[in-house]
Amino acid sequence: MNRTLYTLLFHLGLPLVALRLFLRSRKAPAYAKRIGERFAMNLPAMRKGGIWVHAVSVGESIAAAPMIRALLQAYPQLPITITCMTPTGSERVRAMFADEPRIQHCYLPYDLPWAAGRFLDHVQPKLAVIMETELWPNHIHQCAKRGIAVALANARLSERSARGYARFAGLTRPMLAEMSLIAVQTEAEAERFRQLGARAECVQVTGSIKFDLRIDEQLLPRARALREQWQAAQRPVWIAASTHEGEDEVILAAHRQLLEHHADALLILVPRHPERFNSVFELCAAQFPTVRRSSAAAVAADTAVLLGDTMGELLFLYALADIAFVGGSLVPNGGHNLLEPAALSLPVISGPHLFNFLEIAAMLRNAGALQEVDDAQGLAAEIRRLIELPQDARRMGEAGRAVMKANQGALQRLLDGLGRLL
C-alpha cells in the first residue's frame, strides 16, 4: 500500500469514522463536540511559527509535560501548539497548562492531505514533535512539503508493531524517511526503525523520558495527611490503576480474598477511561462499601473500595497507597506506565501482558522491583505477602526508585536533539 491508496481508503472510510464518533459520544458526550477541528475547520486563533507537539491521549500528554515545560523555558519567544485525539487528553492538556499563555490547543485533524495541510498552514510550526509512535503518513508528508522538521519523541516500537508496519512497506518507508529525528527508548527499537526505512543518522537512542518524572515534594505529605484524616494510616492500602474492561472483576475478586486475611484492607480502583467510571462504580458498590473520589466523601472505617473517578490525580492516588498494581496487563492491552508507582518507591505488580513496556518491565523485574501475576488468586497472594512482609515491600520499592534514578537523563538528550533541529 502506498500513500495514495491509503488516502483513498481513508476517504472511503469516513462514514465509519463518523459512526465511531457517534458511538463513542453515547458513552462520552464530549466526542460529539468540536468535530470541526477534526477536519481542520473552526480551529481556534493561534500564534504562528512555534513548536507543534502531538500527544494522542492522556498518557502521552502526561509524558510530554516535562518536555513541553522545558521547551517553554528554552524558547521563551515561541508558542507551543499541543494536539491530541481524545476528549480526556484535551481536558488533561488544558488542566496542566491552564496558566501558560503560550500554550495553544486543539484536536489533531484526521490524516487527510487537505485537512493536514490546512492545519499546518494555520499553525505554521517551525518544528513538529510527535510523542511515542503516533505516525500519520499525510501529516508527516505535508510537513516535509513545507520544510517542517518532524521529530518522534520517546519513540516506542514493539516487535509486533514493527511486523505490522513492515506489511505496509510502501507506506511506511517513505514516511519514516521524511522524519528528521527519531528519539527511541532502546537500541532494539532503534534497529526496528532502521529496518523499516528510517535514515540511520536520524535515529538516536535517548532512553525513556518517563524516567525523568519529577515528584512534587508536597505530594507525599498531602497523601499522609489525607490517610490520617480518614483514620487509615495503619490500614493496608493498595491501588489498582489504569484498569481496562475485564480486569475490574479480577481485581475485586482478589480484594475479596485479601479481606479474608486483612479485613481492614482498602482498595483504590482507578479505571483507565472516564466513560467506565459509572459502570465500575456499580460493579464495586454491588459487592463492597464503596466511595467515589469525585464525591469528596471521607473514607470510613467500613469503606472497602475507593473508586478513583477523577482526572489528573493518578499520582496522588498512587501516593495514598502502600502497594501498586498497574492495569492494562491482565488483559492483552500491553500495560501502562510502571514508572509512576516506582518513582514513589512503591512495590509494583502487573499482569503478564506488558508488550508496550517490555524493556522497562525487564529493568524493574531484574532489579526485583516488579512482580507479575496471572489471576485473582495470584494477585491476592502477592498483595497479602507484601502486607505481611513489609521489609520485602520496602526492598521492592527502593529497587524501583533506584532504577528510576539510574536511567534519568533522557529528557536532556531529547531536548538536545530538538535544539539541533530548531
Protein backbone atom coordinates (compact mmCIF):
# COMPACT_ATOMS: atom_id res chain seq x y z
CA MET A 1 0.00 0.00 0.00
CA ASN A 2 1.31 3.47 -0.88
CA ARG A 3 0.15 6.83 0.46
CA THR A 4 -2.24 7.46 -2.46
CA LEU A 5 -4.12 4.21 -1.81
CA TYR A 6 -4.05 4.84 1.95
CA THR A 7 -5.60 8.30 1.41
CA LEU A 8 -8.29 6.90 -0.88
CA LEU A 9 -9.20 4.22 1.68
CA PHE A 10 -9.27 6.84 4.45
CA HIS A 11 -11.76 8.94 2.45
CA LEU A 12 -13.91 5.87 1.75
CA GLY A 13 -13.84 5.05 5.46
CA LEU A 14 -15.11 8.46 6.62
CA PRO A 15 -18.68 7.14 7.17
CA LEU A 16 -17.20 4.56 9.57
CA VAL A 17 -15.23 7.33 11.29
CA ALA A 18 -18.46 9.29 11.75
CA LEU A 19 -20.20 6.18 13.11
CA ARG A 20 -17.37 5.58 15.56
CA LEU A 21 -17.58 9.17 16.79
CA PHE A 22 -21.33 8.78 17.26
CA LEU A 23 -21.00 5.51 19.18
CA ARG A 24 -18.26 6.89 21.41
CA SER A 25 -20.29 10.03 22.07
CA ARG A 26 -23.07 7.90 23.57
CA LYS A 27 -20.72 6.93 26.39
CA ALA A 28 -18.61 10.09 26.39
CA PRO A 29 -20.67 13.08 25.11
CA ALA A 30 -17.52 15.18 24.58
CA TYR A 31 -16.83 13.16 21.41
CA ALA A 32 -19.81 14.93 19.81
CA LYS A 33 -18.21 18.35 20.35
CA ARG A 34 -15.53 20.25 18.37
CA ILE A 35 -15.94 17.89 15.40
CA GLY A 36 -14.91 20.67 13.02
CA GLU A 37 -11.40 20.64 14.50
CA ARG A 38 -11.02 17.02 13.38
CA PHE A 39 -11.31 18.28 9.79
CA ALA A 40 -9.20 21.43 10.34
CA MET A 41 -12.30 23.62 10.42
CA ASN A 42 -13.26 26.10 13.16
CA LEU A 43 -9.73 25.96 14.54
CA PRO A 44 -9.05 28.44 17.35
CA ALA A 45 -6.94 31.50 16.55
CA MET A 46 -3.28 30.70 17.04
CA ARG A 47 0.10 32.40 17.03
CA LYS A 48 2.22 31.08 14.19
CA GLY A 49 5.82 29.97 13.96
CA GLY A 50 6.22 27.92 17.16
CA ILE A 51 6.52 24.24 18.04
CA TRP A 52 3.74 21.73 17.43
CA VAL A 53 3.56 18.79 19.87
CA HIS A 54 1.17 15.89 19.25
CA ALA A 55 0.23 13.68 22.23
CA VAL A 56 -2.59 11.33 21.27
CA SER A 57 -4.27 10.97 24.68
CA VAL A 58 -3.86 11.29 28.46
CA GLY A 59 -0.80 9.08 28.93
CA GLU A 60 1.16 10.74 26.16
CA SER A 61 0.12 14.21 27.38
CA ILE A 62 1.45 13.48 30.85
CA ALA A 63 4.67 12.02 29.42
CA ALA A 64 5.10 15.10 27.21
CA ALA A 65 4.55 17.63 30.01
CA PRO A 66 8.18 17.83 31.28
CA MET A 67 9.43 18.19 27.69
CA ILE A 68 6.90 20.93 26.95
CA ARG A 69 7.79 22.85 30.13
CA ALA A 70 11.48 22.59 29.22
CA LEU A 71 10.76 23.87 25.70
CA LEU A 72 8.77 26.80 27.10
CA GLN A 73 11.76 27.73 29.23
CA ALA A 74 14.37 27.19 26.49
CA TYR A 75 12.46 29.08 23.77
CA PRO A 76 10.56 31.90 25.51
CA GLN A 77 9.76 33.57 22.19
CA LEU A 78 7.94 30.56 20.72
CA PRO A 79 4.31 29.46 21.19
CA ILE A 80 3.67 25.72 21.59
CA THR A 81 0.63 24.10 20.00
CA ILE A 82 -0.45 20.83 21.62
CA THR A 83 -2.80 18.50 19.75
CA CYS A 84 -4.46 15.27 20.86
CA MET A 85 -7.22 12.94 19.64
CA THR A 86 -9.39 12.32 22.72
CA PRO A 87 -11.56 14.49 25.00
CA THR A 88 -9.75 13.15 28.07
CA GLY A 89 -6.42 14.10 26.53
CA SER A 90 -7.77 17.55 25.71
CA GLU A 91 -9.03 18.02 29.25
CA ARG A 92 -5.66 16.97 30.66
CA VAL A 93 -3.72 19.35 28.40
CA ARG A 94 -5.91 22.27 29.42
CA ALA A 95 -5.61 21.41 33.12
CA MET A 96 -1.81 21.07 33.01
CA PHE A 97 -1.20 24.32 31.13
CA ALA A 98 -4.14 26.48 32.18
CA ASP A 99 -1.83 29.29 33.36
CA GLU A 100 0.56 29.27 30.39
CA PRO A 101 -0.48 31.83 27.73
CA ARG A 102 1.95 30.46 25.13
CA ILE A 103 0.22 27.06 25.05
CA GLN A 104 -2.30 26.64 22.22
CA HIS A 105 -4.51 23.59 21.88
CA CYS A 106 -6.89 21.83 19.50
CA TYR A 107 -7.65 18.33 18.25
CA LEU A 108 -5.36 16.97 15.55
CA PRO A 109 -7.27 16.81 12.26
CA TYR A 110 -7.69 13.42 10.66
CA ASP A 111 -4.86 12.20 8.45
CA LEU A 112 -6.26 13.51 5.18
CA PRO A 113 -3.93 15.60 2.96
CA TRP A 114 -6.24 18.62 2.74
CA ALA A 115 -7.01 18.58 6.48
CA ALA A 116 -3.35 18.15 7.43
CA GLY A 117 -2.32 20.92 5.02
CA ARG A 118 -4.98 23.32 6.30
CA PHE A 119 -3.92 22.66 9.90
CA LEU A 120 -0.22 23.25 9.14
CA ASP A 121 -0.99 26.44 7.21
CA HIS A 122 -2.99 27.65 10.21
CA VAL A 123 -0.24 26.89 12.76
CA GLN A 124 2.91 27.19 10.59
CA PRO A 125 5.20 25.46 13.10
CA LYS A 126 8.99 25.54 12.90
CA LEU A 127 9.14 22.00 14.33
CA ALA A 128 6.71 19.10 14.79
CA VAL A 129 7.20 16.74 17.74
CA ILE A 130 5.13 13.54 17.83
CA MET A 131 5.04 11.66 21.13
CA GLU A 132 5.77 7.93 21.16
CA THR A 133 4.55 6.19 17.97
CA GLU A 134 1.55 8.06 16.62
CA LEU A 135 2.62 8.02 12.96
CA TRP A 136 0.35 9.68 10.39
CA PRO A 137 1.68 9.48 6.79
CA ASN A 138 -0.16 12.51 5.39
CA HIS A 139 0.66 14.81 8.30
CA ILE A 140 4.33 13.86 8.05
CA HIS A 141 4.35 14.28 4.26
CA GLN A 142 2.65 17.68 4.46
CA CYS A 143 5.31 18.76 6.96
CA ALA A 144 8.04 17.59 4.57
CA LYS A 145 6.46 19.56 1.70
CA ARG A 146 6.61 22.72 3.84
CA GLY A 147 10.14 22.12 5.11
CA ILE A 148 8.95 21.49 8.68
CA ALA A 149 11.26 19.12 10.59
CA VAL A 150 9.42 16.22 12.25
CA ALA A 151 10.73 14.52 15.39
CA LEU A 152 9.38 11.36 17.01
CA ALA A 153 9.97 11.72 20.76
CA ASN A 154 10.18 8.96 23.36
CA ALA A 155 9.53 6.56 20.48
CA ARG A 156 8.38 3.02 21.16
CA LEU A 157 8.13 0.21 18.63
CA SER A 158 7.42 -3.32 19.78
CA GLU A 159 8.38 -6.31 17.68
CA ARG A 160 4.70 -6.94 16.96
CA SER A 161 4.11 -3.34 15.84
CA ALA A 162 7.22 -3.46 13.65
CA ARG A 163 5.87 -6.55 11.88
CA GLY A 164 2.60 -4.68 11.28
CA TYR A 165 4.38 -1.66 9.79
CA ALA A 166 6.57 -3.94 7.64
CA ARG A 167 3.48 -5.36 5.94
CA PHE A 168 2.83 -1.87 4.53
CA ALA A 169 6.40 -1.01 3.49
CA GLY A 170 5.21 1.11 0.55
CA LEU A 171 3.54 3.43 3.06
CA THR A 172 5.94 3.12 6.00
CA ARG A 173 9.34 3.51 4.31
CA PRO A 174 8.71 6.89 2.62
CA MET A 175 7.05 8.20 5.79
CA LEU A 176 9.98 7.29 8.07
CA ALA A 177 12.49 8.59 5.52
CA GLU A 178 10.84 12.04 5.75
CA MET A 179 11.43 12.29 9.51
CA SER A 180 14.33 14.36 10.87
CA LEU A 181 14.74 12.76 14.31
CA ILE A 182 13.52 9.50 15.81
CA ALA A 183 14.45 9.56 19.51
CA VAL A 184 13.91 5.99 20.68
CA GLN A 185 13.92 4.45 24.12
CA THR A 186 16.18 1.42 23.42
CA GLU A 187 18.70 0.14 20.87
CA ALA A 188 16.35 -2.73 19.96
CA GLU A 189 13.69 -0.21 18.94
CA ALA A 190 16.28 1.85 17.07
CA GLU A 191 17.18 -1.16 14.95
CA ARG A 192 13.50 -1.83 14.20
CA PHE A 193 13.06 1.72 12.92
CA ARG A 194 16.19 1.42 10.74
CA GLN A 195 14.94 -1.87 9.29
CA LEU A 196 11.61 -0.21 8.45
CA GLY A 197 13.31 2.56 6.45
CA ALA A 198 14.28 5.34 8.85
CA ARG A 199 17.54 7.10 7.95
CA ALA A 200 20.26 5.77 10.26
CA GLU A 201 21.63 9.25 11.02
CA CYS A 202 18.18 10.35 12.22
CA VAL A 203 17.70 7.53 14.73
CA GLN A 204 19.04 8.30 18.21
CA VAL A 205 18.76 6.24 21.41
CA THR A 206 17.83 8.74 24.13
CA GLY A 207 16.08 6.46 26.64
CA SER A 208 12.61 6.98 28.06
CA ILE A 209 11.72 10.45 29.31
CA LYS A 210 9.29 8.73 31.69
CA PHE A 211 12.33 8.05 33.91
CA ASP A 212 12.67 11.83 34.32
CA LEU A 213 9.40 12.09 36.23
CA ARG A 214 9.61 14.72 38.96
CA ILE A 215 7.51 14.27 42.08
CA ASP A 216 6.06 17.36 43.77
CA GLU A 217 7.64 17.48 47.24
CA GLN A 218 4.20 18.18 48.76
CA LEU A 219 2.60 15.07 47.22
CA LEU A 220 3.54 12.51 49.89
CA PRO A 221 2.83 14.84 52.85
CA ARG A 222 -0.60 15.59 51.37
CA ALA A 223 -1.30 11.89 50.95
CA ARG A 224 -0.21 11.08 54.51
CA ALA A 225 -2.42 13.86 55.86
CA LEU A 226 -5.45 12.56 53.98
CA ARG A 227 -4.91 9.00 55.22
CA GLU A 228 -4.68 10.32 58.77
CA GLN A 229 -7.87 12.31 58.21
CA TRP A 230 -9.54 9.05 57.13
CA GLN A 231 -8.02 7.32 60.17
CA ALA A 232 -6.47 4.92 57.66
CA ALA A 233 -2.78 5.48 58.41
CA GLN A 234 -2.46 1.91 59.73
CA ARG A 235 -4.79 0.25 57.23
CA PRO A 236 -3.21 -1.73 54.37
CA VAL A 237 -4.00 0.26 51.21
CA TRP A 238 -3.39 -1.00 47.68
CA ILE A 239 -4.19 0.58 44.35
CA ALA A 240 -5.21 -0.99 41.03
CA ALA A 241 -4.60 1.77 38.49
CA SER A 242 -5.45 2.27 34.81
CA THR A 243 -7.68 -0.80 34.66
CA HIS A 244 -9.43 -1.94 31.50
CA GLU A 245 -12.64 -3.81 30.85
CA GLY A 246 -12.23 -7.39 32.02
CA GLU A 247 -9.76 -6.52 34.79
CA ASP A 248 -12.04 -4.97 37.40
CA GLU A 249 -13.80 -8.25 38.16
CA VAL A 250 -10.44 -9.95 38.70
CA ILE A 251 -9.23 -7.16 40.97
CA LEU A 252 -12.41 -7.21 43.06
CA ALA A 253 -12.17 -10.99 43.37
CA ALA A 254 -8.59 -10.58 44.60
CA HIS A 255 -9.71 -7.94 47.09
CA ARG A 256 -12.41 -10.26 48.40
CA GLN A 257 -9.78 -12.95 49.02
CA LEU A 258 -7.49 -10.41 50.69
CA LEU A 259 -10.23 -9.27 53.07
CA GLU A 260 -10.45 -12.81 54.45
CA HIS A 261 -6.98 -12.27 55.95
CA HIS A 262 -6.87 -8.47 56.31
CA ALA A 263 -10.41 -7.30 56.99
CA ASP A 264 -9.41 -3.63 57.10
CA ALA A 265 -7.69 -3.57 53.69
CA LEU A 266 -8.65 -0.69 51.38
CA LEU A 267 -8.57 -0.92 47.59
CA ILE A 268 -8.23 2.20 45.42
CA LEU A 269 -9.58 1.21 42.00
CA VAL A 270 -8.86 3.60 39.11
CA PRO A 271 -10.38 2.77 35.69
CA ARG A 272 -8.34 3.99 32.72
CA HIS A 273 -11.24 5.56 30.81
CA PRO A 274 -13.75 8.05 32.30
CA GLU A 275 -16.67 6.58 30.35
CA ARG A 276 -16.30 3.45 32.53
CA PHE A 277 -16.45 5.26 35.88
CA ASN A 278 -20.18 4.73 36.42
CA SER A 279 -20.27 1.07 35.39
CA VAL A 280 -17.21 0.23 37.52
CA PHE A 281 -18.76 2.05 40.48
CA GLU A 282 -21.90 -0.07 40.13
CA LEU A 283 -19.74 -3.20 39.97
CA CYS A 284 -17.89 -2.19 43.16
CA ALA A 285 -20.93 -0.99 45.08
CA ALA A 286 -22.76 -4.26 44.43
CA GLN A 287 -20.04 -6.13 46.35
CA PHE A 288 -18.38 -3.72 48.80
CA PRO A 289 -18.99 -0.46 50.67
CA THR A 290 -17.62 1.96 48.04
CA VAL A 291 -16.82 5.68 47.99
CA ARG A 292 -16.32 7.73 44.84
CA ARG A 293 -13.32 10.05 44.98
CA SER A 294 -15.29 12.65 42.98
CA SER A 295 -17.84 12.88 45.77
CA ALA A 296 -15.17 14.21 48.18
CA ALA A 297 -16.74 11.98 50.84
CA ALA A 298 -14.38 10.68 53.51
CA VAL A 299 -13.29 7.06 53.53
CA ALA A 300 -14.90 5.47 56.61
CA ALA A 301 -13.74 2.52 58.67
CA ASP A 302 -16.07 0.18 56.79
CA THR A 303 -15.18 1.50 53.30
CA ALA A 304 -13.57 -1.33 51.34
CA VAL A 305 -13.14 0.39 47.94
CA LEU A 306 -12.33 3.95 46.90
CA LEU A 307 -13.15 4.50 43.22
CA GLY A 308 -10.67 6.89 41.63
CA ASP A 309 -13.08 8.65 39.25
CA THR A 310 -11.28 11.99 38.95
CA MET A 311 -8.92 13.26 36.24
CA GLY A 312 -5.31 14.30 36.81
CA GLU A 313 -5.00 12.72 40.27
CA LEU A 314 -3.36 9.40 39.49
CA LEU A 315 -0.01 10.25 41.08
CA PHE A 316 -1.77 11.45 44.22
CA LEU A 317 -3.83 8.25 44.36
CA TYR A 318 -0.62 6.23 44.00
CA ALA A 319 0.84 8.25 46.87
CA LEU A 320 -2.11 7.21 49.08
CA ALA A 321 -1.26 3.53 48.60
CA ASP A 322 1.32 1.11 50.01
CA ILE A 323 1.30 -1.32 47.06
CA ALA A 324 0.52 -0.69 43.37
CA PHE A 325 -0.96 -2.90 40.67
CA VAL A 326 -0.73 -1.37 37.16
CA GLY A 327 -3.56 -2.35 34.83
CA GLY A 328 -3.91 -2.96 31.12
CA SER A 329 -1.79 -6.02 31.85
CA LEU A 330 -4.23 -8.75 32.93
CA VAL A 331 -5.87 -8.34 29.52
CA PRO A 332 -3.80 -8.16 26.30
CA ASN A 333 -3.65 -4.37 26.20
CA GLY A 334 0.11 -4.08 26.64
CA GLY A 335 0.24 -2.47 30.08
CA HIS A 336 0.63 1.10 31.29
CA ASN A 337 3.33 3.24 32.89
CA LEU A 338 5.10 1.19 35.56
CA LEU A 339 7.42 4.05 36.48
CA GLU A 340 4.88 6.30 38.22
CA PRO A 341 4.49 3.98 41.24
CA ALA A 342 8.22 3.13 41.09
CA ALA A 343 9.02 6.85 41.40
CA LEU A 344 7.06 6.85 44.67
CA SER A 345 9.04 3.83 45.96
CA LEU A 346 6.02 1.54 45.81
CA PRO A 347 6.34 -2.19 45.15
CA VAL A 348 4.85 -2.74 41.68
CA ILE A 349 2.67 -5.62 40.49
CA SER A 350 1.33 -6.23 36.99
CA GLY A 351 -0.29 -8.87 34.84
CA PRO A 352 1.67 -10.74 32.15
CA HIS A 353 0.70 -8.55 29.15
CA LEU A 354 3.43 -5.88 29.09
CA PHE A 355 4.37 -5.78 25.41
CA ASN A 356 4.19 -1.95 25.35
CA PHE A 357 6.78 -1.73 28.15
CA LEU A 358 8.99 -4.79 27.64
CA GLU A 359 12.34 -3.08 28.32
CA ILE A 360 11.14 -1.03 31.30
CA ALA A 361 9.40 -4.11 32.74
CA ALA A 362 12.60 -6.12 32.31
CA MET A 363 14.64 -3.46 34.13
CA LEU A 364 12.21 -3.41 37.06
CA ARG A 365 11.86 -7.20 37.13
CA ASN A 366 15.63 -7.76 37.08
CA ALA A 367 16.05 -5.25 39.89
CA GLY A 368 13.45 -7.05 42.00
CA ALA A 369 11.02 -4.13 41.82
CA LEU A 370 8.24 -5.78 39.76
CA GLN A 371 6.19 -8.92 40.37
CA GLU A 372 3.90 -10.34 37.68
CA VAL A 373 0.70 -12.29 38.41
CA ASP A 374 -1.78 -14.11 36.18
CA ASP A 375 -5.10 -14.10 38.00
CA ALA A 376 -7.09 -13.05 41.08
CA GLN A 377 -5.58 -15.74 43.28
CA GLY A 378 -2.04 -14.76 42.35
CA LEU A 379 -2.79 -11.06 42.82
CA ALA A 380 -4.36 -11.62 46.25
CA ALA A 381 -1.43 -13.79 47.34
CA GLU A 382 1.14 -11.18 46.26
CA ILE A 383 -0.71 -8.30 47.95
CA ARG A 384 -1.02 -10.37 51.12
CA ARG A 385 2.71 -11.25 51.03
CA LEU A 386 3.72 -7.60 50.73
CA ILE A 387 1.39 -6.58 53.57
CA GLU A 388 2.71 -9.31 55.86
CA LEU A 389 6.37 -8.86 54.87
CA PRO A 390 6.82 -5.09 54.89
CA GLN A 391 10.60 -5.47 54.55
CA ASP A 392 10.02 -7.16 51.16
CA ALA A 393 7.70 -4.35 50.11
CA ARG A 394 10.28 -1.78 51.18
CA ARG A 395 13.05 -3.58 49.25
CA MET A 396 10.92 -3.68 46.08
CA GLY A 397 10.07 0.00 46.40
CA GLU A 398 13.69 1.02 46.93
CA ALA A 399 14.78 -1.10 43.95
CA GLY A 400 12.23 0.59 41.69
CA ARG A 401 13.32 4.04 42.80
CA ALA A 402 16.96 3.08 42.12
CA VAL A 403 16.05 2.01 38.55
CA MET A 404 14.36 5.39 38.04
CA LYS A 405 17.41 7.34 39.20
CA ALA A 406 19.89 5.22 37.23
CA ASN A 407 18.09 5.84 33.94
CA GLN A 408 17.38 9.55 34.14
CA GLY A 409 18.79 11.96 31.58
CA ALA A 410 16.65 11.01 28.57
CA LEU A 411 14.81 14.33 28.64
CA GLN A 412 18.01 16.37 28.25
CA ARG A 413 19.22 14.12 25.42
CA LEU A 414 15.87 14.61 23.67
CA LEU A 415 15.98 18.38 24.17
CA ASP A 416 19.48 18.48 22.71
CA GLY A 417 18.23 16.67 19.60
CA LEU A 418 15.25 19.01 19.21
CA GLY A 419 17.52 22.00 19.72
CA ARG A 420 19.63 20.94 16.75
CA LEU A 421 16.51 20.86 14.57
CA LEU A 422 15.45 24.33 15.75
